[in-house]
Structure formats: structure tokens, C-alpha cells
Amino acid sequence: MWDKIVLLFSFVIGTVFGSFANVLIYRPIAGLKINEPRFSMCPVCKKRIAWYDNIPLLSYIILRGRCRTCGSKISLRYPIIELVFGIVFLLNHIIFPLDIATCFDLLFLVNLPAVFTDLKMMLLPDYTWIVTLGVGIYLNIQYFRSFILLDLIGGILALSILLFLRWRYKGGIGEGDIFLFPVYSFAVGFLFMPFLMFISSISGLLFSKFRKSRVVPFGPFIIATGYLFLMIRLINNI
């Protein structure tokens, strides 16, 4: 019974953090600061949204997807993000013990908004790589202490490679990628680092070819590949 309550709680908390993730996605793209204004508002009429109209998932259903004040349609992205967060948090706490699940909750919170901002405006916020680094340090100390030196070397090597490529190609690699890739290289470990570089690079290039753009947002592919490899590493304890 208690386990079911914990899982239900993880889903609810996930939707709450999903609501916050929507803020992290919308405001930078709209040219707003993350912490200003200090309340939720309708993107159309700019009126403050009351707390009872800001309950994840439920408010969207009750209001039938429209702003209570001006009646404008609310993007379906908001409840979808909240639902996805609820499901991901739930799965994290089914698969992993509490500390690892919480680490993946944090990773998902800071990484998913970065996927949107990088695809939309080539922006990887600093909080993404900083939190990912903190999670990587904790997991390495707690579960992979015997490999921590090799993993650190892998992260430094990845940073050196990207700094060289940025110098060689005169800024062809984004500043966010320079920090994010070494951090994920450290987190996933020395063994997975070459696969992280290969798969994220190929995926990014294929995406740019599909979109017919010379500018490649590598961040989303580093995040997706790194997140997956970190899960594989922890599940298999390698």
C-alpha cells in the first residue's frame, strides 16, 4: 500500500515539475527572464493566472484548454509536458532506488527544457550542464568510485577535443555543447564516451540534413544519448 502511495506521489510531483519546466521552456523563447514576472500569466492577455487555474493537468481539463480571462486557446504543449513529466518521474521511481530516481528526476527537469530552447534558438542554459555535473559527481562517488579517475579523464579528454574543434573551426561548436558534452562524458563513463560522441554527432548531422540547415543544435542529441547511456550504466552497474 505504501509503495503505491509513493508511486502516486512521484507522478503528482512529476506533473508539478512539468508545470515548472513549461516556464523554463516558454520564457527564454519569449525573451523573458526565468524569475520575472514572479507569477504565471496568460501569454496572450498577460493577466495573472490564479493558483486554482494553474493545477497541472486538471486546470487544463476544467478550463477546456482556454484562458479563464480572455478565452484564448492554451497550447496543448503545456498539459503534454506535465503528463510526460508525471510518467517519467513515475517510471524513474519504479525502476531505481530513491536516490538514483531523484537524480534522473533532476536530469529530466533541467535537460528537457534545454532540448526545446536549443532547437528553437540555439540556447543551452548554464543550469543544464551545472546540474548534470552535480548528478554525475554524486553517481560516480556513490556507485562508480573505482572508475572515477578514468571517467574524469574521459570528461577532460572530451573537453579538450571540443575546445580544439571550436578553435580550429572558428566557433563552429556552441559554447553550451562545449560544457554539456564533457559533463555527460564524465557521467556516462569512459567506456560509453566514444559511443556518446559518435551517436550524438551522427544524429545531429542527420537532423540538420533533414531540416536542410547548416546550423546543428547538438545539445538535444547529447542529452538524449547521454541520458540513455547513463540509465544503461546504472541498470547494468558498469
C-alpha atoms as a PDB file:
ATOM      1  CA  MET A   1       0.000   0.000   0.000  1.00  0.00           C
ATOM      2  CA  TRP A   2       2.775   2.423   0.983  1.00  0.00           C
ATOM      3  CA  ASP A   3       4.664   1.689  -2.245  1.00  0.00           C
ATOM      4  CA  LYS A   4       1.594   2.605  -4.303  1.00  0.00           C
ATOM      5  CA  ILE A   5       1.237   5.882  -2.402  1.00  0.00           C
ATOM      6  CA  VAL A   6       4.888   6.718  -3.084  1.00  0.00           C
ATOM      7  CA  LEU A   7       4.450   5.990  -6.797  1.00  0.00           C
ATOM      8  CA  LEU A   8       1.285   8.092  -6.964  1.00  0.00           C
ATOM      9  CA  PHE A   9       3.125  10.887  -5.180  1.00  0.00           C
ATOM     10  CA  SER A  10       6.008  10.654  -7.675  1.00  0.00           C
ATOM     11  CA  PHE A  11       3.543  11.054 -10.563  1.00  0.00           C
ATOM     12  CA  VAL A  12       1.883  14.086  -8.953  1.00  0.00           C
ATOM     13  CA  ILE A  13       5.235  15.700  -8.150  1.00  0.00           C
ATOM     14  CA  GLY A  14       6.298  14.980 -11.725  1.00  0.00           C
ATOM     15  CA  THR A  15       3.345  16.938 -13.116  1.00  0.00           C
ATOM     16  CA  VAL A  16       4.185  19.856 -10.793  1.00  0.00           C
ATOM     17  CA  PHE A  17       7.769  19.914 -12.036  1.00  0.00           C
ATOM     18  CA  GLY A  18       6.408  19.555 -15.553  1.00  0.00           C
ATOM     19  CA  SER A  19       4.490  22.784 -14.995  1.00  0.00           C
ATOM     20  CA  PHE A  20       7.736  24.458 -13.920  1.00  0.00           C
ATOM     21  CA  ALA A  21       9.505  23.002 -16.965  1.00  0.00           C
ATOM     22  CA  ASN A  22       6.941  24.778 -19.133  1.00  0.00           C
ATOM     23  CA  VAL A  23       8.157  28.036 -17.592  1.00  0.00           C
ATOM     24  CA  LEU A  24      11.766  27.109 -18.384  1.00  0.00           C
ATOM     25  CA  ILE A  25      10.725  26.417 -21.978  1.00  0.00           C
ATOM     26  CA  TYR A  26       8.383  29.340 -22.660  1.00  0.00           C
ATOM     27  CA  ARG A  27      10.103  32.299 -21.018  1.00  0.00           C
ATOM     28  CA  PRO A  28      13.554  32.173 -22.693  1.00  0.00           C
ATOM     29  CA  ILE A  29      11.934  31.645 -26.099  1.00  0.00           C
ATOM     30  CA  ALA A  30       9.580  34.584 -25.415  1.00  0.00           C
ATOM     31  CA  GLY A  31      12.527  36.767 -24.383  1.00  0.00           C
ATOM     32  CA  LEU A  32      11.561  36.838 -20.700  1.00  0.00           C
ATOM     33  CA  LYS A  33      13.622  36.199 -17.582  1.00  0.00           C
ATOM     34  CA  ILE A  34      13.013  32.915 -15.782  1.00  0.00           C
ATOM     35  CA  ASN A  35      12.186  34.647 -12.489  1.00  0.00           C
ATOM     36  CA  GLU A  36      10.279  37.662 -13.857  1.00  0.00           C
ATOM     37  CA  PRO A  37       7.364  38.064 -13.543  1.00  0.00           C
ATOM     38  CA  ARG A  38       7.110  36.043 -10.365  1.00  0.00           C
ATOM     39  CA  PHE A  39       3.725  34.606 -11.272  1.00  0.00           C
ATOM     40  CA  SER A  40       2.183  32.608 -14.099  1.00  0.00           C
ATOM     41  CA  MET A  41       0.407  34.632 -16.749  1.00  0.00           C
ATOM     42  CA  CYS A  42      -1.558  34.114 -19.935  1.00  0.00           C
ATOM     43  CA  PRO A  43       0.799  34.577 -22.916  1.00  0.00           C
ATOM     44  CA  VAL A  44      -1.994  36.394 -24.804  1.00  0.00           C
ATOM     45  CA  CYS A  45      -3.732  38.775 -22.367  1.00  0.00           C
ATOM     46  CA  LYS A  46      -0.792  38.857 -19.896  1.00  0.00           C
ATOM     47  CA  LYS A  47      -3.174  38.549 -16.941  1.00  0.00           C
ATOM     48  CA  ARG A  48      -2.065  36.704 -13.825  1.00  0.00           C
ATOM     49  CA  ILE A  49      -3.226  33.088 -13.628  1.00  0.00           C
ATOM     50  CA  ALA A  50      -4.817  32.212 -10.286  1.00  0.00           C
ATOM     51  CA  TRP A  51      -3.448  29.223  -8.387  1.00  0.00           C
ATOM     52  CA  TYR A  52      -6.646  27.235  -8.921  1.00  0.00           C
ATOM     53  CA  ASP A  53      -6.255  27.705 -12.687  1.00  0.00           C
ATOM     54  CA  ASN A  54      -2.653  26.535 -12.526  1.00  0.00           C
ATOM     55  CA  ILE A  55      -3.093  22.987 -11.212  1.00  0.00           C
ATOM     56  CA  PRO A  56      -1.169  20.616 -13.516  1.00  0.00           C
ATOM     57  CA  LEU A  57      -3.398  18.685 -15.947  1.00  0.00           C
ATOM     58  CA  LEU A  58      -6.635  19.316 -14.003  1.00  0.00           C
ATOM     59  CA  SER A  59      -6.862  23.043 -14.732  1.00  0.00           C
ATOM     60  CA  TYR A  60      -6.400  22.479 -18.458  1.00  0.00           C
ATOM     61  CA  ILE A  61      -9.223  19.921 -18.459  1.00  0.00           C
ATOM     62  CA  ILE A  62     -11.566  22.063 -16.315  1.00  0.00           C
ATOM     63  CA  LEU A  63     -10.947  25.187 -18.421  1.00  0.00           C
ATOM     64  CA  ARG A  64     -11.208  23.140 -21.631  1.00  0.00           C
ATOM     65  CA  GLY A  65      -7.848  24.408 -22.781  1.00  0.00           C
ATOM     66  CA  ARG A  66      -8.701  28.109 -22.654  1.00  0.00           C
ATOM     67  CA  CYS A  67      -7.700  31.118 -20.545  1.00  0.00           C
ATOM     68  CA  ARG A  68     -10.370  31.978 -17.982  1.00  0.00           C
ATOM     69  CA  THR A  69      -9.841  35.727 -18.510  1.00  0.00           C
ATOM     70  CA  CYS A  70      -9.603  36.218 -22.278  1.00  0.00           C
ATOM     71  CA  GLY A  71     -10.754  32.839 -23.587  1.00  0.00           C
ATOM     72  CA  SER A  72      -7.687  32.383 -25.773  1.00  0.00           C
ATOM     73  CA  LYS A  73      -6.615  28.829 -26.522  1.00  0.00           C
ATOM     74  CA  ILE A  74      -3.861  27.381 -24.339  1.00  0.00           C
ATOM     75  CA  SER A  75      -1.196  25.417 -26.178  1.00  0.00           C
ATOM     76  CA  LEU A  76      -1.583  21.646 -25.900  1.00  0.00           C
ATOM     77  CA  ARG A  77       2.136  21.537 -25.172  1.00  0.00           C
ATOM     78  CA  TYR A  78       1.525  22.534 -21.538  1.00  0.00           C
ATOM     79  CA  PRO A  79      -0.546  19.505 -20.437  1.00  0.00           C
ATOM     80  CA  ILE A  80       1.533  17.182 -22.631  1.00  0.00           C
ATOM     81  CA  ILE A  81       4.745  18.284 -20.893  1.00  0.00           C
ATOM     82  CA  GLU A  82       3.085  17.897 -17.484  1.00  0.00           C
ATOM     83  CA  LEU A  83       1.845  14.406 -18.353  1.00  0.00           C
ATOM     84  CA  VAL A  84       5.230  13.357 -19.739  1.00  0.00           C
ATOM     85  CA  PHE A  85       6.952  14.538 -16.560  1.00  0.00           C
ATOM     86  CA  GLY A  86       4.462  12.648 -14.415  1.00  0.00           C
ATOM     87  CA  ILE A  87       5.044   9.431 -16.367  1.00  0.00           C
ATOM     88  CA  VAL A  88       8.843   9.821 -16.424  1.00  0.00           C
ATOM     89  CA  PHE A  89       9.024  10.522 -12.679  1.00  0.00           C
ATOM     90  CA  LEU A  90       6.774   7.515 -12.048  1.00  0.00           C
ATOM     91  CA  LEU A  91       8.963   5.232 -14.190  1.00  0.00           C
ATOM     92  CA  ASN A  92      12.141   6.539 -12.542  1.00  0.00           C
ATOM     93  CA  HIS A  93      10.811   5.561  -9.114  1.00  0.00           C
ATOM     94  CA  ILE A  94       9.634   2.159 -10.350  1.00  0.00           C
ATOM     95  CA  ILE A  95      12.995   1.288 -11.925  1.00  0.00           C
ATOM     96  CA  PHE A  96      15.505   2.819  -9.492  1.00  0.00           C
ATOM     97  CA  PRO A  97      16.005   3.295  -5.739  1.00  0.00           C
ATOM     98  CA  LEU A  98      15.082   6.699  -4.352  1.00  0.00           C
ATOM     99  CA  ASP A  99      18.445   8.460  -4.718  1.00  0.00           C
ATOM    100  CA  ILE A 100      19.038   7.391  -8.326  1.00  0.00           C
ATOM    101  CA  ALA A 101      15.411   8.106  -9.249  1.00  0.00           C
ATOM    102  CA  THR A 102      15.735  11.608  -7.782  1.00  0.00           C
ATOM    103  CA  CYS A 103      18.906  12.151  -9.808  1.00  0.00           C
ATOM    104  CA  PHE A 104      17.081  11.231 -13.010  1.00  0.00           C
ATOM    105  CA  ASP A 105      14.162  13.455 -11.993  1.00  0.00           C
ATOM    106  CA  LEU A 106      16.584  16.381 -11.728  1.00  0.00           C
ATOM    107  CA  LEU A 107      18.255  15.493 -15.017  1.00  0.00           C
ATOM    108  CA  PHE A 108      14.933  15.372 -16.830  1.00  0.00           C
ATOM    109  CA  LEU A 109      13.870  18.698 -15.307  1.00  0.00           C
ATOM    110  CA  VAL A 110      16.950  20.596 -16.495  1.00  0.00           C
ATOM    111  CA  ASN A 111      17.509  18.721 -19.757  1.00  0.00           C
ATOM    112  CA  LEU A 112      14.100  18.663 -21.447  1.00  0.00           C
ATOM    113  CA  PRO A 113      13.673  22.473 -21.454  1.00  0.00           C
ATOM    114  CA  ALA A 114      17.189  22.722 -22.916  1.00  0.00           C
ATOM    115  CA  VAL A 115      16.095  20.499 -25.810  1.00  0.00           C
ATOM    116  CA  PHE A 116      13.343  22.988 -26.682  1.00  0.00           C
ATOM    117  CA  THR A 117      15.481  26.120 -26.284  1.00  0.00           C
ATOM    118  CA  ASP A 118      18.389  24.661 -28.263  1.00  0.00           C
ATOM    119  CA  LEU A 119      16.149  23.561 -31.135  1.00  0.00           C
ATOM    120  CA  LYS A 120      14.310  26.895 -31.167  1.00  0.00           C
ATOM    121  CA  MET A 121      17.064  29.428 -30.501  1.00  0.00           C
ATOM    122  CA  MET A 122      20.370  27.525 -30.174  1.00  0.00           C
ATOM    123  CA  LEU A 123      20.476  28.103 -26.411  1.00  0.00           C
ATOM    124  CA  LEU A 124      21.681  25.657 -23.770  1.00  0.00           C
ATOM    125  CA  PRO A 125      21.159  27.250 -20.328  1.00  0.00           C
ATOM    126  CA  ASP A 126      24.039  27.062 -17.847  1.00  0.00           C
ATOM    127  CA  TYR A 127      21.837  25.344 -15.264  1.00  0.00           C
ATOM    128  CA  THR A 128      21.617  22.323 -17.602  1.00  0.00           C
ATOM    129  CA  TRP A 129      25.287  21.379 -17.502  1.00  0.00           C
ATOM    130  CA  ILE A 130      25.764  22.541 -13.885  1.00  0.00           C
ATOM    131  CA  VAL A 131      23.008  20.269 -12.512  1.00  0.00           C
ATOM    132  CA  THR A 132      24.089  17.425 -14.819  1.00  0.00           C
ATOM    133  CA  LEU A 133      27.637  17.771 -13.477  1.00  0.00           C
ATOM    134  CA  GLY A 134      26.361  17.634  -9.893  1.00  0.00           C
ATOM    135  CA  VAL A 135      24.356  14.484 -10.642  1.00  0.00           C
ATOM    136  CA  GLY A 136      27.348  12.923 -12.398  1.00  0.00           C
ATOM    137  CA  ILE A 137      29.629  13.622  -9.436  1.00  0.00           C
ATOM    138  CA  TYR A 138      27.143  12.123  -6.964  1.00  0.00           C
ATOM    139  CA  LEU A 139      26.534   8.971  -9.012  1.00  0.00           C
ATOM    140  CA  ASN A 140      30.244   8.427  -9.657  1.00  0.00           C
ATOM    141  CA  ILE A 141      31.137   8.787  -5.982  1.00  0.00           C
ATOM    142  CA  GLN A 142      28.205   6.677  -4.806  1.00  0.00           C
ATOM    143  CA  TYR A 143      28.207   3.884  -7.402  1.00  0.00           C
ATOM    144  CA  PHE A 144      31.312   4.051  -9.616  1.00  0.00           C
ATOM    145  CA  ARG A 145      34.046   5.184  -7.246  1.00  0.00           C
ATOM    146  CA  SER A 146      36.571   2.696  -8.638  1.00  0.00           C
ATOM    147  CA  PHE A 147      36.135   4.200 -12.137  1.00  0.00           C
ATOM    148  CA  ILE A 148      36.012   7.855 -11.141  1.00  0.00           C
ATOM    149  CA  LEU A 149      39.578   8.658 -12.259  1.00  0.00           C
ATOM    150  CA  LEU A 150      39.014   7.110 -15.699  1.00  0.00           C
ATOM    151  CA  ASP A 151      35.676   8.899 -16.006  1.00  0.00           C
ATOM    152  CA  LEU A 152      37.306  12.200 -15.059  1.00  0.00           C
ATOM    153  CA  ILE A 153      39.993  11.646 -17.692  1.00  0.00           C
ATOM    154  CA  GLY A 154      37.234  10.936 -20.215  1.00  0.00           C
ATOM    155  CA  GLY A 155      35.491  14.198 -19.358  1.00  0.00           C
ATOM    156  CA  ILE A 156      38.726  16.203 -19.619  1.00  0.00           C
ATOM    157  CA  LEU A 157      39.560  14.498 -22.925  1.00  0.00           C
ATOM    158  CA  ALA A 158      36.110  15.340 -24.299  1.00  0.00           C
ATOM    159  CA  LEU A 159      36.505  18.970 -23.211  1.00  0.00           C
ATOM    160  CA  SER A 160      39.943  19.168 -24.854  1.00  0.00           C
ATOM    161  CA  ILE A 161      38.618  17.755 -28.131  1.00  0.00           C
ATOM    162  CA  LEU A 162      35.737  20.233 -28.275  1.00  0.00           C
ATOM    163  CA  LEU A 163      37.943  23.204 -27.377  1.00  0.00           C
ATOM    164  CA  PHE A 164      40.319  22.237 -30.183  1.00  0.00           C
ATOM    165  CA  LEU A 165      37.454  21.861 -32.674  1.00  0.00           C
ATOM    166  CA  ARG A 166      35.995  25.219 -31.624  1.00  0.00           C
ATOM    167  CA  TRP A 167      39.388  26.868 -32.142  1.00  0.00           C
ATOM    168  CA  ARG A 168      40.014  25.028 -35.419  1.00  0.00           C
ATOM    169  CA  TYR A 169      36.647  25.826 -36.954  1.00  0.00           C
ATOM    170  CA  LYS A 170      36.328  29.338 -35.507  1.00  0.00           C
ATOM    171  CA  GLY A 171      33.341  28.904 -33.237  1.00  0.00           C
ATOM    172  CA  GLY A 172      31.607  26.153 -35.190  1.00  0.00           C
ATOM    173  CA  ILE A 173      30.702  24.455 -31.904  1.00  0.00           C
ATOM    174  CA  GLY A 174      28.360  26.155 -29.465  1.00  0.00           C
ATOM    175  CA  GLU A 175      29.547  27.175 -26.012  1.00  0.00           C
ATOM    176  CA  GLY A 176      26.798  25.133 -24.369  1.00  0.00           C
ATOM    177  CA  ASP A 177      27.901  21.991 -26.219  1.00  0.00           C
ATOM    178  CA  ILE A 178      31.474  22.524 -25.007  1.00  0.00           C
ATOM    179  CA  PHE A 179      30.322  22.213 -21.395  1.00  0.00           C
ATOM    180  CA  LEU A 180      27.473  19.734 -21.813  1.00  0.00           C
ATOM    181  CA  PHE A 181      29.347  17.022 -23.713  1.00  0.00           C
ATOM    182  CA  PRO A 182      32.282  16.661 -21.246  1.00  0.00           C
ATOM    183  CA  VAL A 183      29.832  16.652 -18.327  1.00  0.00           C
ATOM    184  CA  TYR A 184      27.829  13.809 -19.865  1.00  0.00           C
ATOM    185  CA  SER A 185      31.069  12.036 -20.822  1.00  0.00           C
ATOM    186  CA  PHE A 186      32.052  12.088 -17.149  1.00  0.00           C
ATOM    187  CA  ALA A 187      28.576  10.923 -16.079  1.00  0.00           C
ATOM    188  CA  VAL A 188      28.252   8.004 -18.520  1.00  0.00           C
ATOM    189  CA  GLY A 189      31.854   6.929 -18.009  1.00  0.00           C
ATOM    190  CA  PHE A 190      34.975   6.405 -20.064  1.00  0.00           C
ATOM    191  CA  LEU A 191      33.561   3.253 -21.690  1.00  0.00           C
ATOM    192  CA  PHE A 192      30.499   4.995 -23.142  1.00  0.00           C
ATOM    193  CA  MET A 193      32.221   8.259 -24.100  1.00  0.00           C
ATOM    194  CA  PRO A 194      33.167   7.250 -27.697  1.00  0.00           C
ATOM    195  CA  PHE A 195      29.621   5.997 -28.330  1.00  0.00           C
ATOM    196  CA  LEU A 196      28.195   9.202 -26.864  1.00  0.00           C
ATOM    197  CA  MET A 197      30.296  11.293 -29.233  1.00  0.00           C
ATOM    198  CA  PHE A 198      29.594   9.126 -32.286  1.00  0.00           C
ATOM    199  CA  ILE A 199      25.827   8.694 -31.862  1.00  0.00           C
ATOM    200  CA  SER A 200      25.089  12.296 -30.834  1.00  0.00           C
ATOM    201  CA  SER A 201      27.222  13.662 -33.697  1.00  0.00           C
ATOM    202  CA  ILE A 202      25.677  11.412 -36.349  1.00  0.00           C
ATOM    203  CA  SER A 203      22.167  12.097 -35.050  1.00  0.00           C
ATOM    204  CA  GLY A 204      22.769  15.851 -35.116  1.00  0.00           C
ATOM    205  CA  LEU A 205      24.155  15.771 -38.652  1.00  0.00           C
ATOM    206  CA  LEU A 206      21.254  13.657 -39.920  1.00  0.00           C
ATOM    207  CA  PHE A 207      18.807  16.037 -38.270  1.00  0.00           C
ATOM    208  CA  SER A 208      20.434  19.079 -39.877  1.00  0.00           C
ATOM    209  CA  LYS A 209      20.342  17.367 -43.269  1.00  0.00           C
ATOM    210  CA  PHE A 210      16.660  16.534 -42.801  1.00  0.00           C
ATOM    211  CA  ARG A 211      15.934  20.131 -41.777  1.00  0.00           C
ATOM    212  CA  LYS A 212      18.212  21.430 -44.560  1.00  0.00           C
ATOM    213  CA  SER A 213      20.155  23.647 -42.202  1.00  0.00           C
ATOM    214  CA  ARG A 214      23.892  24.192 -41.820  1.00  0.00           C
ATOM    215  CA  VAL A 215      23.444  25.070 -38.156  1.00  0.00           C
ATOM    216  CA  VAL A 216      23.328  21.961 -35.974  1.00  0.00           C
ATOM    217  CA  PRO A 217      21.832  22.089 -32.449  1.00  0.00           C
ATOM    218  CA  PHE A 218      23.860  19.227 -30.940  1.00  0.00           C
ATOM    219  CA  GLY A 219      22.517  19.741 -27.412  1.00  0.00           C
ATOM    220  CA  PRO A 220      19.320  17.675 -27.781  1.00  0.00           C
ATOM    221  CA  PHE A 221      21.277  14.731 -29.182  1.00  0.00           C
ATOM    222  CA  ILE A 222      23.950  14.893 -26.478  1.00  0.00           C
ATOM    223  CA  ILE A 223      21.156  14.985 -23.887  1.00  0.00           C
ATOM    224  CA  ALA A 224      19.118  12.106 -25.348  1.00  0.00           C
ATOM    225  CA  THR A 225      22.158   9.867 -25.888  1.00  0.00           C
ATOM    226  CA  GLY A 226      23.779  10.728 -22.561  1.00  0.00           C
ATOM    227  CA  TYR A 227      20.552  10.229 -20.599  1.00  0.00           C
ATOM    228  CA  LEU A 228      20.031   6.809 -22.216  1.00  0.00           C
ATOM    229  CA  PHE A 229      23.617   5.653 -21.658  1.00  0.00           C
ATOM    230  CA  LEU A 230      23.537   6.796 -18.033  1.00  0.00           C
ATOM    231  CA  MET A 231      20.394   4.716 -17.457  1.00  0.00           C
ATOM    232  CA  ILE A 232      22.043   1.702 -19.123  1.00  0.00           C
ATOM    233  CA  ARG A 233      25.154   2.163 -16.997  1.00  0.00           C
ATOM    234  CA  LEU A 234      23.220   2.279 -13.737  1.00  0.00           C
ATOM    235  CA  ILE A 235      20.873  -0.594 -14.601  1.00  0.00           C
ATOM    236  CA  ASN A 236      23.811  -2.823 -15.544  1.00  0.00           C
ATOM    237  CA  ASN A 237      26.237  -1.352 -12.971  1.00  0.00           C
ATOM    238  CA  ILE A 238      29.063  -0.849 -15.490  1.00  0.00           C
END
